[in-house]
Amino acid sequence: ARAYGETFLVAVRTAEEMGYNEKEGLQGTLRAAVHGIESKLKEYPDLPLAVSMLTMRRREKDFIMRVKPKYVTAMAEEHEKFRGL
C-alpha cells in the first residue's frame, strides 16, 4: 500500500509539472514559446521554415499521444534542421 501511495504521489507531481491543461505547467510554457515563434514566422514568410515548424508540432503531438522516445529524437532532428534554415 505504501509503494502504491508513493507511486501515486509521483504521478500527481508529474501531472502538476506537465500542467492540467494546455495553458499550465510545461505545456503552457511550450505553447507560449511556439506561439511566439509562429508570430515571428508570420513576419518573415518562408515556406521551409513554416514546414519545419509544422513538422516539429507534429512530432510534439506524436510524443504527447504515444510517449515514445523515437518522437523525442525526431523532434531534436527537426529542431536542428529548423535552426539551420
Protein backbone atom coordinates (compact mmCIF):
# COMPACT_ATOMS: atom_id res chain seq x y z
CA ALA A 1 0.00 0.00 0.00
CA ARG A 2 2.89 2.35 0.78
CA ALA A 3 4.51 1.78 -2.62
CA TYR A 4 1.17 2.50 -4.29
CA GLY A 5 0.83 5.75 -2.37
CA GLU A 6 4.35 6.85 -3.27
CA THR A 7 3.79 5.98 -6.93
CA PHE A 8 0.51 7.88 -6.90
CA LEU A 9 2.23 10.97 -5.46
CA VAL A 10 4.87 10.81 -8.20
CA ALA A 11 2.10 10.64 -10.79
CA VAL A 12 0.35 13.64 -9.24
CA ARG A 13 3.57 15.68 -9.15
CA THR A 14 4.30 14.79 -12.76
CA ALA A 15 0.79 15.81 -13.83
CA GLU A 16 1.16 19.11 -11.97
CA GLU A 17 4.52 19.79 -13.60
CA MET A 18 3.16 18.99 -17.06
CA GLY A 19 0.07 21.11 -16.43
CA TYR A 20 -3.52 20.06 -16.12
CA ASN A 21 -4.37 21.78 -19.39
CA GLU A 22 -2.59 23.39 -22.34
CA LYS A 23 -2.22 26.73 -20.54
CA GLU A 24 -0.48 25.48 -17.38
CA GLY A 25 2.87 23.97 -16.46
CA LEU A 26 5.31 22.77 -19.08
CA GLN A 27 2.50 22.53 -21.62
CA GLY A 28 1.76 26.21 -21.14
CA THR A 29 5.42 27.15 -21.38
CA LEU A 30 5.84 25.20 -24.60
CA ARG A 31 2.61 26.59 -26.04
CA ALA A 32 3.64 30.18 -25.33
CA ALA A 33 7.06 29.63 -26.89
CA VAL A 34 5.55 28.08 -30.00
CA HIS A 35 3.06 30.92 -30.37
CA GLY A 36 5.93 33.40 -30.16
CA ILE A 37 7.84 31.59 -32.90
CA GLU A 38 4.72 31.34 -35.05
CA SER A 39 4.20 35.11 -34.70
CA LYS A 40 7.76 35.73 -35.87
CA LEU A 41 7.28 33.36 -38.81
CA LYS A 42 4.32 35.48 -39.95
CA GLU A 43 6.66 38.49 -40.13
CA TYR A 44 9.09 36.58 -42.34
CA PRO A 45 7.10 34.31 -44.64
CA ASP A 46 9.38 31.44 -45.51
CA LEU A 47 7.88 28.15 -46.65
CA PRO A 48 10.73 25.86 -45.49
CA LEU A 49 10.65 27.44 -42.00
CA ALA A 50 6.88 27.06 -41.80
CA VAL A 51 7.03 23.43 -42.92
CA SER A 52 9.74 22.66 -40.38
CA MET A 53 7.74 24.35 -37.62
CA LEU A 54 4.65 22.32 -38.50
CA THR A 55 6.77 19.16 -38.54
CA MET A 56 8.02 19.94 -35.03
CA ARG A 57 4.42 20.46 -33.87
CA ARG A 58 3.53 17.09 -35.36
CA ARG A 59 6.42 15.42 -33.50
CA GLU A 60 5.29 17.14 -30.30
CA LYS A 61 1.76 15.82 -30.68
CA ASP A 62 3.02 12.34 -31.59
CA PHE A 63 5.06 12.28 -28.38
CA ILE A 64 2.18 13.55 -26.24
CA MET A 65 -0.13 10.88 -27.66
CA ARG A 66 2.31 7.95 -27.64
CA VAL A 67 5.10 8.87 -25.17
CA LYS A 68 7.77 7.06 -27.19
CA PRO A 69 11.43 8.14 -27.21
CA LYS A 70 11.60 7.97 -31.02
CA TYR A 71 9.46 11.12 -31.17
CA VAL A 72 11.90 12.97 -28.92
CA THR A 73 14.69 12.02 -31.31
CA ALA A 74 12.61 13.03 -34.33
CA MET A 75 11.83 16.38 -32.69
CA ALA A 76 15.51 17.02 -31.92
CA GLU A 77 16.46 16.23 -35.52
CA GLU A 78 13.79 18.57 -36.88
CA HIS A 79 14.84 21.26 -34.42
CA GLU A 80 18.39 21.13 -35.74
CA LYS A 81 17.04 21.38 -39.28
CA PHE A 82 14.89 24.38 -38.26
CA ARG A 83 17.88 26.13 -36.68
CA GLY A 84 19.84 25.65 -39.89
CA LEU A 85 17.24 27.32 -42.08
